[in-house]
Protein backbone atom coordinates (compact mmCIF):
# COMPACT_ATOMS: atom_id res chain seq x y z
CA MET A 1 -13.06 1.72 17.13
CA ASN A 2 -14.49 1.86 13.53
CA ARG A 3 -11.78 2.94 11.07
CA SER A 4 -13.90 5.62 9.46
CA ILE A 5 -14.37 7.33 12.83
CA ILE A 6 -10.45 6.94 13.37
CA ALA A 7 -10.00 8.48 9.96
CA ILE A 8 -12.12 11.62 10.90
CA ILE A 9 -10.44 11.99 14.24
CA LEU A 10 -6.99 11.72 12.75
CA ILE A 11 -7.88 14.38 10.07
CA THR A 12 -9.19 16.67 12.83
CA LEU A 13 -6.05 16.20 15.04
CA LEU A 14 -3.81 16.52 12.22
CA SER A 15 -5.33 19.84 11.17
CA LEU A 16 -5.00 21.20 14.63
CA ILE A 17 -1.35 20.11 14.60
CA MET A 18 -0.69 21.99 11.33
CA LEU A 19 -2.45 25.13 12.59
CA SER A 20 -0.39 25.14 15.62
CA CYS A 21 2.94 25.05 13.54
CA SER A 22 4.75 28.48 13.32
CA ASP A 23 5.89 29.97 10.04
CA ASP A 24 9.40 29.18 11.01
CA ASP A 25 8.93 25.77 11.66
CA ASN A 26 6.19 24.19 9.43
CA THR A 27 7.18 20.57 9.95
CA THR A 28 6.13 18.21 12.71
CA ASP A 29 8.20 14.99 13.62
CA ILE A 30 6.04 12.00 14.07
CA ASP A 31 7.56 10.25 17.01
CA ASP A 32 4.61 9.03 18.96
CA GLU A 33 4.54 5.42 20.17
CA THR A 34 1.36 4.90 18.45
CA MET A 35 -0.23 6.05 15.12
CA PRO A 36 -4.04 5.41 14.67
CA GLY A 37 -4.58 2.66 12.08
CA MET A 38 -0.72 2.09 11.50
CA VAL A 39 2.03 -0.22 12.47
CA LEU A 40 5.54 0.52 13.28
CA ILE A 41 8.05 -1.48 11.20
CA GLU A 42 11.30 -1.54 13.13
CA ALA A 43 13.53 -1.62 9.78
CA ALA A 44 16.31 0.63 10.86
CA ASP A 45 19.49 -1.37 10.43
CA ALA A 46 17.75 -4.38 9.32
CA GLN A 47 18.34 -6.23 6.20
CA PHE A 48 16.98 -9.02 4.09
CA GLU A 49 17.27 -10.81 1.06
CA MET A 50 14.87 -9.41 -1.53
CA GLY A 51 13.56 -11.35 -4.55
CA SER A 52 13.68 -14.98 -5.35
CA GLU A 53 15.55 -17.31 -7.80
CA THR A 54 12.59 -18.74 -9.62
CA ASP A 55 11.27 -18.96 -13.17
CA TYR A 56 9.85 -15.33 -12.78
CA GLU A 57 12.72 -13.41 -14.29
CA ASP A 58 11.75 -10.05 -12.71
CA GLU A 59 12.10 -11.61 -9.32
CA SER A 60 15.75 -12.08 -9.77
CA PRO A 61 18.70 -11.83 -8.91
CA VAL A 62 18.23 -12.12 -5.13
CA HIS A 63 19.95 -9.04 -3.48
CA ASN A 64 20.69 -7.81 -0.12
CA VAL A 65 18.60 -4.67 0.96
CA SER A 66 19.12 -2.78 4.24
CA PHE A 67 17.10 0.31 5.71
CA GLY A 68 18.33 3.50 7.32
CA ARG A 69 15.19 4.06 9.56
CA ASP A 70 12.13 2.63 10.80
CA PHE A 71 8.65 3.46 9.23
CA TRP A 72 4.96 3.45 9.95
CA MET A 73 2.70 1.41 7.59
CA ASP A 74 -1.16 1.50 7.38
CA GLU A 75 -2.05 -1.93 8.96
CA SER A 76 -4.65 -2.52 6.14
CA GLU A 77 -5.30 -1.07 2.71
CA VAL A 78 -6.77 2.42 2.79
CA THR A 79 -10.55 2.06 3.22
CA GLN A 80 -13.26 3.81 1.23
CA ALA A 81 -14.20 5.81 4.49
CA GLU A 82 -10.73 7.02 5.00
CA TYR A 83 -10.01 7.95 1.19
CA ASP A 84 -13.37 9.73 0.93
CA SER A 85 -12.92 11.69 4.36
CA VAL A 86 -9.46 12.65 3.61
CA MET A 87 -10.02 13.70 -0.19
CA THR A 88 -13.16 15.64 0.75
CA ALA A 89 -11.41 17.64 3.18
CA ALA A 90 -8.32 18.38 1.02
CA TYR A 91 -9.59 18.96 -2.49
CA ALA A 92 -12.59 21.10 -3.52
CA ASP A 93 -12.96 19.42 -6.87
CA TYR A 94 -12.75 15.82 -5.53
CA ILE A 95 -15.09 13.31 -6.93
CA LEU A 96 -16.02 9.99 -5.22
CA PRO A 97 -14.29 7.09 -7.28
CA ASP A 98 -16.45 4.62 -8.96
CA TRP A 99 -16.94 1.96 -6.27
CA ASN A 100 -19.86 -0.42 -6.97
CA ASN A 101 -21.06 -3.74 -6.34
CA PRO A 102 -20.34 -6.61 -6.93
CA TYR A 103 -16.78 -5.48 -6.09
CA GLY A 104 -17.33 -4.23 -2.59
CA VAL A 105 -18.94 -0.94 -1.23
CA GLY A 106 -18.85 0.29 2.35
CA ASP A 107 -16.83 2.15 4.93
CA GLU A 108 -14.58 -0.94 5.71
CA TYR A 109 -14.03 -2.01 2.20
CA PRO A 110 -10.73 -0.96 0.47
CA ALA A 111 -10.49 1.88 -1.75
CA TYR A 112 -10.07 0.79 -5.61
CA THR A 113 -10.21 2.19 -8.96
CA LEU A 114 -7.72 4.67 -8.27
CA GLU A 115 -5.02 5.76 -10.54
CA TRP A 116 -1.46 6.22 -8.91
CA GLY A 117 -1.90 9.79 -8.94
CA ASP A 118 -5.11 9.41 -6.96
CA ALA A 119 -3.16 7.61 -4.16
CA VAL A 120 -0.34 10.29 -4.24
CA LEU A 121 -2.94 12.96 -3.74
CA TYR A 122 -4.18 11.19 -0.60
CA CYS A 123 -0.54 11.03 0.67
CA ASN A 124 0.13 14.66 -0.03
CA ALA A 125 -3.09 15.55 1.81
CA LEU A 126 -2.30 13.68 4.91
CA SER A 127 1.21 15.31 4.99
CA ARG A 128 -0.56 18.78 4.68
CA PHE A 129 -2.87 18.26 7.50
CA ALA A 130 -0.02 16.83 9.76
CA GLY A 131 2.37 19.80 8.83
CA LEU A 132 4.80 17.54 7.15
CA ASP A 133 6.73 18.32 4.01
CA SER A 134 5.00 16.69 0.95
CA VAL A 135 7.00 13.72 -0.75
CA TYR A 136 5.43 14.47 -4.27
CA SER A 137 5.47 17.61 -6.09
CA TYR A 138 3.85 18.42 -9.54
CA THR A 139 2.79 21.31 -11.69
CA SER A 140 -0.83 20.70 -12.33
CA ILE A 141 -3.55 17.91 -12.00
CA SER A 142 -4.89 16.58 -15.15
CA GLY A 143 -8.27 15.45 -14.49
CA THR A 144 -10.20 15.18 -11.10
CA PRO A 145 -8.65 14.17 -7.87
CA GLY A 146 -9.91 10.79 -6.79
CA ASN A 147 -11.50 10.21 -10.02
CA LEU A 148 -8.65 9.02 -12.30
CA CYS A 149 -6.25 11.91 -12.24
CA GLU A 150 -2.66 12.28 -13.48
CA LEU A 151 0.01 14.66 -12.03
CA GLU A 152 1.74 16.74 -14.53
CA ASP A 153 5.61 16.85 -14.10
CA MET A 154 5.62 14.93 -10.99
CA THR A 155 8.71 14.50 -8.89
CA SER A 156 9.44 12.95 -5.52
CA ASP A 157 11.75 13.05 -2.66
CA ILE A 158 11.52 10.21 -0.37
CA THR A 159 13.75 12.05 2.12
CA LYS A 160 11.11 14.33 2.94
CA SER A 161 9.01 13.75 6.29
CA GLY A 162 5.59 13.14 4.70
CA TYR A 163 3.29 10.23 3.80
CA ARG A 164 3.96 8.31 0.68
CA LEU A 165 3.38 5.04 -1.02
CA PRO A 166 5.84 2.23 0.23
CA THR A 167 8.80 1.44 -1.81
CA GLU A 168 8.91 -2.12 -3.22
CA ALA A 169 11.63 -3.04 -0.83
CA GLU A 170 9.64 -1.64 2.19
CA TRP A 171 6.54 -3.50 0.95
CA GLU A 172 8.39 -6.96 0.62
CA PHE A 173 10.12 -6.46 3.99
CA ALA A 174 6.85 -5.68 5.70
CA TYR A 175 4.92 -8.48 3.90
CA ARG A 176 7.37 -11.00 5.28
CA GLY A 177 7.32 -10.20 8.94
CA ASN A 178 10.67 -11.90 9.21
CA ALA A 179 9.56 -14.91 7.22
CA THR A 180 11.53 -16.43 4.27
CA THR A 181 8.88 -18.43 2.84
CA ASP A 182 6.67 -17.45 -0.07
CA PHE A 183 3.69 -16.69 2.09
CA TYR A 184 4.10 -14.78 5.41
CA TRP A 185 2.28 -17.66 7.32
CA GLY A 186 5.20 -19.93 6.79
CA LYS A 187 4.31 -21.81 3.63
CA ASP A 188 6.01 -22.19 0.18
CA TYR A 189 4.06 -22.11 -3.17
CA ASP A 190 4.04 -25.08 -5.46
CA PRO A 191 2.35 -27.46 -4.72
CA TYR A 192 0.76 -25.49 -1.91
CA PRO A 193 -2.17 -25.01 -1.77
CA ALA A 194 -2.70 -28.64 -2.71
CA ASN A 195 -5.66 -29.95 -0.71
CA ALA A 196 -8.76 -28.80 1.14
CA ALA A 197 -6.91 -28.09 4.28
CA ASP A 198 -4.26 -26.07 2.63
CA SER A 199 -7.16 -23.98 0.91
CA THR A 200 -9.02 -23.52 4.20
CA GLU A 201 -5.45 -22.19 5.69
CA PHE A 202 -5.04 -20.09 2.56
CA ASN A 203 -8.62 -18.57 3.03
CA SER A 204 -8.06 -17.56 6.67
CA ASN A 205 -4.91 -15.47 5.53
CA ALA A 206 -5.80 -13.99 2.20
CA VAL A 207 -8.68 -12.72 -0.06
CA TRP A 208 -7.89 -14.49 -3.28
CA TYR A 209 -9.38 -16.46 -6.31
CA GLY A 210 -10.42 -19.43 -3.84
CA ASN A 211 -12.68 -17.35 -1.62
CA SER A 212 -13.80 -14.50 -3.92
CA TRP A 213 -13.44 -14.74 -7.73
CA GLU A 214 -14.48 -18.30 -8.34
CA TYR A 215 -17.73 -17.70 -6.61
CA GLY A 216 -19.04 -15.50 -9.36
CA GLY A 217 -20.59 -12.03 -9.32
CA ASP A 218 -24.07 -13.22 -7.57
CA ASP A 219 -22.44 -14.44 -4.60
CA PRO A 220 -21.60 -12.09 -1.52
CA GLN A 221 -18.14 -13.45 -1.31
CA TYR A 222 -17.17 -12.22 -4.76
CA GLY A 223 -15.12 -9.01 -4.78
CA THR A 224 -13.14 -7.24 -2.22
CA HIS A 225 -13.70 -8.25 1.51
CA GLN A 226 -13.79 -5.86 4.28
CA VAL A 227 -10.13 -5.00 5.29
CA ARG A 228 -8.87 -6.94 8.29
CA SER A 229 -11.15 -9.82 7.69
CA GLY A 230 -8.29 -12.43 7.78
CA LEU A 231 -5.43 -13.08 9.86
CA PRO A 232 -2.37 -10.61 10.24
CA ASN A 233 1.23 -11.28 9.51
CA ALA A 234 3.75 -11.28 12.32
CA TYR A 235 4.01 -7.41 12.32
CA GLY A 236 0.27 -7.05 12.60
CA LEU A 237 -0.33 -6.11 8.92
CA TYR A 238 -3.51 -7.33 7.26
CA ASP A 239 -4.34 -7.84 3.62
CA MET A 240 -0.59 -7.80 2.35
CA SER A 241 -1.52 -10.96 0.39
CA GLY A 242 -4.69 -10.63 -1.86
CA ASN A 243 -7.65 -8.28 -1.48
CA LEU A 244 -6.24 -5.74 -3.69
CA TRP A 245 -3.06 -5.30 -5.64
CA GLU A 246 -1.07 -2.16 -4.01
CA TRP A 247 0.48 0.65 -5.63
CA CYS A 248 4.12 1.11 -4.78
CA HIS A 249 6.29 4.28 -4.92
CA ASP A 250 8.71 2.88 -7.34
CA TRP A 251 8.93 3.12 -11.04
CA TYR A 252 9.29 -0.53 -12.17
CA SER A 253 12.58 -1.64 -13.19
CA GLY A 254 14.73 -4.82 -13.13
CA TYR A 255 16.91 -6.02 -10.15
CA THR A 256 20.71 -6.09 -9.81
CA ALA A 257 22.80 -8.21 -7.72
CA ASP A 258 24.14 -5.19 -5.86
CA SER A 259 23.42 -4.62 -2.16
CA GLN A 260 21.31 -1.53 -1.64
CA ILE A 261 20.31 0.74 1.29
CA ASP A 262 16.84 2.19 1.17
CA PRO A 263 16.15 1.55 -2.76
CA ALA A 264 13.40 3.48 -4.24
CA GLY A 265 13.64 2.54 -7.87
CA PRO A 266 14.83 4.66 -10.84
CA GLU A 267 13.95 8.36 -10.97
CA SER A 268 11.62 7.98 -13.97
CA GLY A 269 9.81 5.26 -16.14
CA SER A 270 6.81 4.17 -17.75
CA TRP A 271 5.23 2.03 -15.23
CA HIS A 272 4.87 1.84 -11.48
CA SER A 273 5.21 -1.43 -9.47
CA ILE A 274 2.36 -2.99 -7.66
CA ARG A 275 2.51 -5.76 -5.19
CA GLY A 276 0.42 -8.31 -3.15
CA GLY A 277 -1.95 -9.87 -5.52
CA SER A 278 -5.79 -9.61 -5.55
CA TRP A 279 -9.00 -11.27 -4.85
CA ALA A 280 -9.12 -12.36 -8.47
CA ASN A 281 -5.67 -14.08 -8.46
CA HIS A 282 -4.52 -17.73 -7.84
CA ALA A 283 -1.88 -18.28 -5.19
CA GLU A 284 1.42 -17.73 -7.19
CA TYR A 285 0.47 -14.09 -7.57
CA LEU A 286 0.09 -13.68 -3.74
CA ARG A 287 3.67 -14.59 -2.96
CA ALA A 288 6.11 -12.41 -1.23
CA THR A 289 8.28 -11.82 -4.14
CA ASN A 290 5.82 -11.46 -6.89
CA ARG A 291 5.72 -8.27 -8.72
CA THR A 292 4.10 -6.62 -11.62
CA PHE A 293 3.46 -3.07 -12.98
CA TYR A 294 0.85 -0.79 -14.48
CA ALA A 295 0.82 2.65 -16.11
CA PRO A 296 0.39 5.31 -13.57
CA CYS A 297 -2.70 6.44 -15.61
CA TYR A 298 -4.20 2.97 -15.37
CA TYR A 299 -7.16 2.41 -13.22
CA TYR A 300 -8.46 -1.01 -12.19
CA TYR A 301 -11.04 -2.41 -9.87
CA LEU A 302 -8.29 -4.97 -8.55
CA ILE A 303 -5.72 -2.22 -7.38
CA GLY A 304 -5.58 -0.14 -4.18
CA PHE A 305 -2.95 1.12 -1.81
CA ARG A 306 -1.60 1.77 1.67
CA THR A 307 0.66 4.43 3.00
CA VAL A 308 3.88 4.76 4.90
CA LEU A 309 5.29 7.40 7.16
CA PRO A 310 9.11 7.47 7.91
CA VAL A 311 10.13 7.70 11.49
CA THR A 312 12.04 11.05 11.81
CA ASP A 313 14.65 12.12 14.15
């Protein structure tokens, strides 16, 4: 089924759930075996070694991370159809983001040119439709929802039941799909990709410089590709490597060697972490451990997002 249709059906169903909730019980546990367009990541009691010992200082030290519960994750980056459908239903003053060619326009293309706040408003909207507690709170919106807005006095609480952006730890754990290599399809960077066969393999797994940017703006390959156009990882997630950088929940900070449970970054900061690399990047930026950051008020046609939803008791 087309994901734009799924998005509309999901909004309708979640709206009905919200209306059916009583005043005394205004939250809804999401414990179904399936969620449309999402993949269950069985993370409860799992642990992994996060980061890498490389020349990239912000990826080290390697440290042990474990999780207290499972979570659902969007199987691909949020599409333009999904974003527009949800935001239109949720915010009267919403304005369509600046999606244009040659960067990719269409229902099944990922949503981009969004500030961190635009992604957060989408998460809150899904939470409200589902009758779940919003993770993100703020006093006001500066700007226009969906069109480069910022959230004033923003706070968050990831213990809440609602939709949110993935933490860096959740994102890296989900990217790996139990792999310990640089790329989730079992290969390590440098010298990979080193030849034509390597590049063909890379092209089948990721949208990156080699099958997008290098073609130039007049070629249909240039820009984002439709979501799920490549192979999924072992968890059934698409586009974790390339297509768009993805906003994470965390404020960006350095790592420590301490073992951590459900880390979510510092309580405040100047930049938010982004992960995954994009259609304009070379292979080194698409590795599992690669990380960088942007100010929450920064928008870019190379950044999108996906959501997660914790499994509640």
